Amino acid sequence: MRAAEEPGPSWIEARGLTASYGADPALRGLDASIPSGAVAAVLGENGSGKSTFLKVLARVLPASGGVVLFDGRPLDAQPRRQTARRIAYVPQSVDLVFPIRAVDLVLQGRAPHGRGFVSESPSDLRRALEAMRACDVEGLAERDAAALSGGERRRVFLARALAQEAEVWLLDEPTAGLDPRHRLEFLETLWRVHRERGTTVLLVTHEIALAGDLATRILLLKGGRTIAQGPRAEVLTADNLARAFGAPFSARGARFEVRSSILPSGAFEP
């Protein structure tokens, strides 16, 4: 699976972005530029601001300072319904308080395309079931989503994003909790949609190898700030990874691993 060439002008741009949870700052003047049609990976240690950045882009969490431009205009000045059609957000985890069928959860992705409180159309249902089939969860359609396993529920949320037919996908640890087969199937679905529809993908991941294989662009965060960003080959280096994660890295061909003076060589290999 090889990433496409670095695409054109910026589609999403953050300038001096700040955001907090109460008195705790999570983003501290973050700058980022995501070109249209890119697959961009956000890397950094826990607490670096990766998930918070996606929440601000998804308009789940308001920024306390700075600006986000989407398609050249301030994101917070654009109608929410309009951006809801164009931006799909798959969070790391979601607590479902009330029972809801998996198919109804996927149909929520069609809501921004509807007319007020009018119920979904046969076309909406068809798109939802197609998305569930692509994510291998069509057989779970009538199940209570709250009763699904973590991996099953994650694939249902991925199907919801697919049914939304958005131009931008914001994915927070999208492969976490997936077994190897479903991980591969999800990545193949993501790549196919990206190539066929020209989607812009911004994914948070701890998998450096995944970022190196899939992403055209890398964004490295530390302490709520950007410490490096740009084309994969320029940013994904042992020195930059050491700065981002606070640990020594070594390169093994096109791969990187944490160096250890205790563990035997190759201990990080699958």
Protein backbone atom coordinates (compact mmCIF):
# COMPACT_ATOMS: atom_id res chain seq x y z
CA MET A 1 0.00 0.00 0.00
CA ARG A 2 1.78 3.12 -1.18
CA ALA A 3 0.68 6.67 -0.41
CA ALA A 4 -0.12 9.11 -3.18
CA GLU A 5 2.10 12.02 -4.05
CA GLU A 6 1.96 15.13 -1.85
CA PRO A 7 -1.16 17.07 -2.92
CA GLY A 8 -1.88 20.75 -3.42
CA PRO A 9 -3.08 23.82 -1.50
CA SER A 10 -4.10 23.75 2.16
CA TRP A 11 -7.61 22.55 2.91
CA ILE A 12 -7.33 22.77 6.70
CA GLU A 13 -5.03 25.25 8.39
CA ALA A 14 -4.58 25.96 12.10
CA ARG A 15 -2.84 29.13 13.24
CA GLY A 16 -1.82 29.58 16.85
CA LEU A 17 -4.55 27.22 18.02
CA THR A 18 -5.21 26.97 21.75
CA ALA A 19 -7.77 24.85 23.61
CA SER A 20 -8.29 23.78 27.21
CA TYR A 21 -10.22 21.42 29.42
CA GLY A 22 -11.15 23.75 32.24
CA ALA A 23 -7.93 25.22 33.57
CA ASP A 24 -5.77 22.60 31.86
CA PRO A 25 -4.38 23.76 28.49
CA ALA A 26 -4.21 21.02 25.86
CA LEU A 27 -3.19 23.01 22.78
CA ARG A 28 -0.65 25.82 23.21
CA GLY A 29 -0.39 27.68 19.94
CA LEU A 30 -0.54 24.79 17.51
CA ASP A 31 0.14 25.46 13.82
CA ALA A 32 -0.80 22.92 11.17
CA SER A 33 -1.47 22.75 7.45
CA ILE A 34 -3.30 19.82 5.86
CA PRO A 35 -3.44 19.94 2.04
CA SER A 36 -6.54 18.92 0.17
CA GLY A 37 -6.52 15.21 -0.66
CA ALA A 38 -3.75 14.35 1.79
CA VAL A 39 -3.60 11.43 4.15
CA ALA A 40 -2.03 13.05 7.20
CA ALA A 41 -0.97 11.25 10.37
CA VAL A 42 -0.75 12.99 13.73
CA LEU A 43 1.92 11.48 15.99
CA GLY A 44 3.01 12.30 19.52
CA GLU A 45 3.16 10.93 23.05
CA ASN A 46 0.13 10.73 25.31
CA GLY A 47 -1.04 14.21 26.32
CA SER A 48 0.55 15.93 23.32
CA GLY A 49 -2.80 17.28 22.08
CA LYS A 50 -3.53 14.87 19.24
CA SER A 51 -7.12 14.00 20.15
CA THR A 52 -7.85 17.57 21.24
CA PHE A 53 -6.78 18.84 17.83
CA LEU A 54 -9.27 16.52 16.13
CA LYS A 55 -12.04 17.59 18.53
CA VAL A 56 -11.49 21.25 17.64
CA LEU A 57 -11.55 20.44 13.92
CA ALA A 58 -14.76 18.43 14.46
CA ARG A 59 -16.28 21.36 16.41
CA VAL A 60 -16.77 19.12 19.42
CA LEU A 61 -14.50 21.32 21.54
CA PRO A 62 -14.28 25.10 21.01
CA ALA A 63 -10.89 26.69 20.54
CA SER A 64 -9.95 29.30 23.12
CA GLY A 65 -7.57 31.10 20.79
CA GLY A 66 -6.12 31.11 17.31
CA VAL A 67 -8.06 30.20 14.19
CA VAL A 68 -8.88 27.17 12.05
CA LEU A 69 -9.39 27.79 8.35
CA PHE A 70 -11.38 25.26 6.37
CA ASP A 71 -11.38 25.72 2.63
CA GLY A 72 -9.90 29.20 3.17
CA ARG A 73 -12.58 30.45 5.59
CA PRO A 74 -12.77 30.41 9.42
CA LEU A 75 -14.28 27.11 10.47
CA ASP A 76 -16.32 28.53 13.34
CA ALA A 77 -18.00 31.04 10.99
CA GLN A 78 -19.35 28.31 8.71
CA PRO A 79 -22.84 26.83 9.27
CA ARG A 80 -22.63 23.72 11.42
CA ARG A 81 -24.94 21.75 9.16
CA GLN A 82 -22.71 22.51 6.20
CA THR A 83 -19.52 21.41 7.94
CA ALA A 84 -21.31 18.34 9.35
CA ARG A 85 -21.90 17.20 5.77
CA ARG A 86 -18.28 17.79 4.82
CA ILE A 87 -16.38 16.59 7.91
CA ALA A 88 -16.74 13.11 9.44
CA TYR A 89 -15.34 12.50 12.92
CA VAL A 90 -14.68 9.06 14.43
CA PRO A 91 -13.67 9.47 18.10
CA GLN A 92 -11.48 7.10 20.04
CA SER A 93 -14.41 5.83 22.11
CA VAL A 94 -18.07 6.69 22.65
CA ASP A 95 -20.27 5.83 25.61
CA LEU A 96 -23.76 4.90 24.43
CA VAL A 97 -26.22 5.79 27.18
CA PHE A 98 -29.41 4.58 25.47
CA PRO A 99 -30.03 1.43 23.43
CA ILE A 100 -29.68 2.00 19.69
CA ARG A 101 -29.55 -0.43 16.79
CA ALA A 102 -26.26 -0.49 14.94
CA VAL A 103 -28.00 0.43 11.66
CA ASP A 104 -29.61 3.46 13.31
CA LEU A 105 -26.20 4.56 14.54
CA VAL A 106 -24.85 4.32 10.99
CA LEU A 107 -27.91 6.22 9.69
CA GLN A 108 -26.88 9.16 11.91
CA GLY A 109 -24.20 9.76 9.29
CA ARG A 110 -26.98 10.62 6.84
CA ALA A 111 -28.60 13.19 9.17
CA PRO A 112 -26.71 16.25 7.79
CA HIS A 113 -28.06 15.40 4.33
CA GLY A 114 -31.69 15.22 5.50
CA ARG A 115 -34.46 17.81 5.83
CA GLY A 116 -34.92 18.76 9.43
CA PHE A 117 -36.74 16.03 11.35
CA VAL A 118 -37.85 14.13 8.24
CA SER A 119 -37.04 10.45 8.66
CA GLU A 120 -34.38 8.79 6.54
CA SER A 121 -35.21 7.94 2.96
CA PRO A 122 -34.84 4.53 1.25
CA SER A 123 -31.71 6.00 -0.36
CA ASP A 124 -30.29 6.82 3.08
CA LEU A 125 -30.94 3.27 4.27
CA ARG A 126 -29.31 1.85 1.15
CA ARG A 127 -26.20 3.97 1.68
CA ALA A 128 -26.06 2.99 5.35
CA LEU A 129 -26.26 -0.73 4.56
CA GLU A 130 -23.64 -0.38 1.83
CA ALA A 131 -21.33 1.30 4.33
CA MET A 132 -21.97 -1.44 6.88
CA ARG A 133 -21.21 -4.08 4.26
CA ALA A 134 -17.92 -2.34 3.40
CA CYS A 135 -16.92 -2.38 7.08
CA ASP A 136 -18.10 -5.98 7.62
CA VAL A 137 -20.81 -5.07 10.15
CA GLU A 138 -23.95 -5.59 8.05
CA GLY A 139 -24.70 -8.71 10.09
CA LEU A 140 -24.80 -6.54 13.23
CA ALA A 141 -27.45 -4.16 11.84
CA GLU A 142 -30.20 -5.17 14.28
CA ARG A 143 -27.92 -5.54 17.32
CA ASP A 144 -27.85 -3.03 20.16
CA ALA A 145 -24.68 -1.02 19.51
CA ALA A 146 -24.06 -0.67 23.25
CA ALA A 147 -23.82 -4.47 23.54
CA LEU A 148 -21.19 -4.84 20.81
CA SER A 149 -17.54 -5.48 21.53
CA GLY A 150 -15.14 -2.54 21.35
CA GLY A 151 -13.81 -3.62 17.96
CA GLU A 152 -17.31 -4.20 16.54
CA ARG A 153 -18.52 -0.83 17.77
CA ARG A 154 -15.49 0.91 16.26
CA ARG A 155 -16.26 -0.61 12.86
CA VAL A 156 -19.89 0.55 13.18
CA PHE A 157 -18.68 4.12 13.77
CA LEU A 158 -16.39 3.80 10.77
CA ALA A 159 -19.41 2.72 8.73
CA ARG A 160 -21.25 5.82 9.95
CA ALA A 161 -18.41 8.01 8.63
CA LEU A 162 -18.50 6.16 5.32
CA ALA A 163 -22.28 6.63 5.04
CA GLN A 164 -21.82 10.35 5.71
CA GLU A 165 -19.97 10.71 2.38
CA ALA A 166 -17.83 13.49 3.83
CA GLU A 167 -14.87 15.13 2.13
CA VAL A 168 -12.74 15.12 5.29
CA TRP A 169 -12.29 12.18 7.68
CA LEU A 170 -10.99 12.82 11.21
CA LEU A 171 -10.03 9.47 12.73
CA ASP A 172 -8.81 9.09 16.32
CA GLU A 173 -6.84 5.83 16.71
CA PRO A 174 -9.01 4.15 14.07
CA THR A 175 -7.32 0.73 14.24
CA ALA A 176 -7.26 0.42 18.04
CA GLY A 177 -9.13 -2.67 19.21
CA LEU A 178 -9.34 -4.24 15.77
CA ASP A 179 -8.07 -7.75 15.19
CA PRO A 180 -5.57 -8.20 12.32
CA ARG A 181 -8.18 -9.15 9.70
CA HIS A 182 -10.53 -6.27 10.46
CA ARG A 183 -7.60 -3.87 10.78
CA LEU A 184 -6.48 -4.79 7.27
CA GLU A 185 -10.03 -4.61 5.89
CA PHE A 186 -10.56 -1.18 7.44
CA LEU A 187 -7.29 0.18 6.04
CA GLU A 188 -8.14 -1.18 2.60
CA THR A 189 -11.60 0.42 2.79
CA LEU A 190 -10.12 3.72 3.93
CA TRP A 191 -7.57 3.67 1.11
CA ARG A 192 -10.16 2.76 -1.51
CA VAL A 193 -12.49 5.58 -0.42
CA HIS A 194 -9.57 8.00 -0.36
CA ARG A 195 -8.51 7.10 -3.89
CA GLU A 196 -12.04 6.99 -5.34
CA ARG A 197 -13.43 10.12 -3.68
CA GLY A 198 -10.30 12.18 -3.10
CA THR A 199 -11.02 12.46 0.62
CA THR A 200 -8.72 14.33 2.97
CA VAL A 201 -7.83 12.05 5.89
CA LEU A 202 -6.39 13.18 9.22
CA LEU A 203 -5.71 10.29 11.56
CA VAL A 204 -4.28 10.14 15.05
CA THR A 205 -2.18 7.04 15.62
CA HIS A 206 0.53 5.62 17.83
CA GLU A 207 1.60 3.29 15.03
CA ILE A 208 4.67 4.84 13.47
CA ALA A 209 4.84 2.08 10.85
CA LEU A 210 1.22 2.74 9.85
CA ALA A 211 1.94 6.46 9.50
CA GLY A 212 4.99 5.67 7.40
CA ASP A 213 3.09 3.34 5.10
CA LEU A 214 -0.18 5.23 4.70
CA ALA A 215 0.39 8.94 5.22
CA THR A 216 1.60 11.47 2.68
CA ARG A 217 2.06 14.04 5.43
CA ILE A 218 3.15 13.82 9.08
CA LEU A 219 2.31 16.17 11.94
CA LEU A 220 4.41 15.70 15.10
CA LEU A 221 3.05 17.21 18.33
CA LYS A 222 4.56 17.68 21.75
CA GLY A 223 3.07 19.59 24.66
CA GLY A 224 0.22 20.94 22.56
CA ARG A 225 2.50 22.43 19.92
CA THR A 226 3.71 21.37 16.50
CA ILE A 227 7.39 20.47 16.49
CA ALA A 228 7.55 19.24 12.88
CA GLN A 229 5.21 18.86 9.93
CA GLY A 230 5.47 18.25 6.24
CA PRO A 231 5.96 15.41 3.72
CA ARG A 232 6.53 12.01 5.29
CA ALA A 233 10.11 11.60 4.08
CA GLU A 234 11.16 14.94 5.58
CA VAL A 235 9.44 14.63 8.95
CA LEU A 236 9.61 10.94 9.82
CA THR A 237 13.21 10.78 11.04
CA ALA A 238 14.81 9.24 14.11
CA ASP A 239 15.77 12.70 15.44
CA ASN A 240 12.24 14.10 15.07
CA LEU A 241 10.68 11.02 16.66
CA ALA A 242 13.09 11.30 19.58
CA ARG A 243 12.03 14.93 20.10
CA ALA A 244 8.34 14.03 19.93
CA PHE A 245 8.41 10.95 22.18
CA GLY A 246 11.31 11.74 24.48
CA ALA A 247 13.02 8.43 23.72
CA PRO A 248 15.91 7.40 21.46
CA PHE A 249 14.93 5.96 18.09
CA SER A 250 16.93 4.10 15.51
CA ALA A 251 16.16 3.52 11.85
CA ARG A 252 16.00 0.01 10.42
CA GLY A 253 15.60 0.60 6.71
CA ALA A 254 12.38 2.57 6.36
CA ARG A 255 11.24 1.54 9.89
CA PHE A 256 11.91 3.10 13.26
CA GLU A 257 12.04 1.51 16.69
CA VAL A 258 12.75 2.69 20.23
CA ARG A 259 16.29 1.81 21.32
CA SER A 260 16.69 -0.03 24.61
CA SER A 261 19.78 -0.92 26.59
CA ILE A 262 17.89 -3.74 28.36
CA LEU A 263 15.64 -5.47 25.83
CA PRO A 264 17.21 -7.71 23.18
CA SER A 265 17.51 -6.55 19.61
CA GLY A 266 14.30 -7.14 17.66
CA ALA A 267 12.08 -7.16 20.76
CA PHE A 268 9.74 -4.62 19.13
CA GLU A 269 9.20 -6.68 16.01
CA PRO A 270 5.77 -8.32 15.63
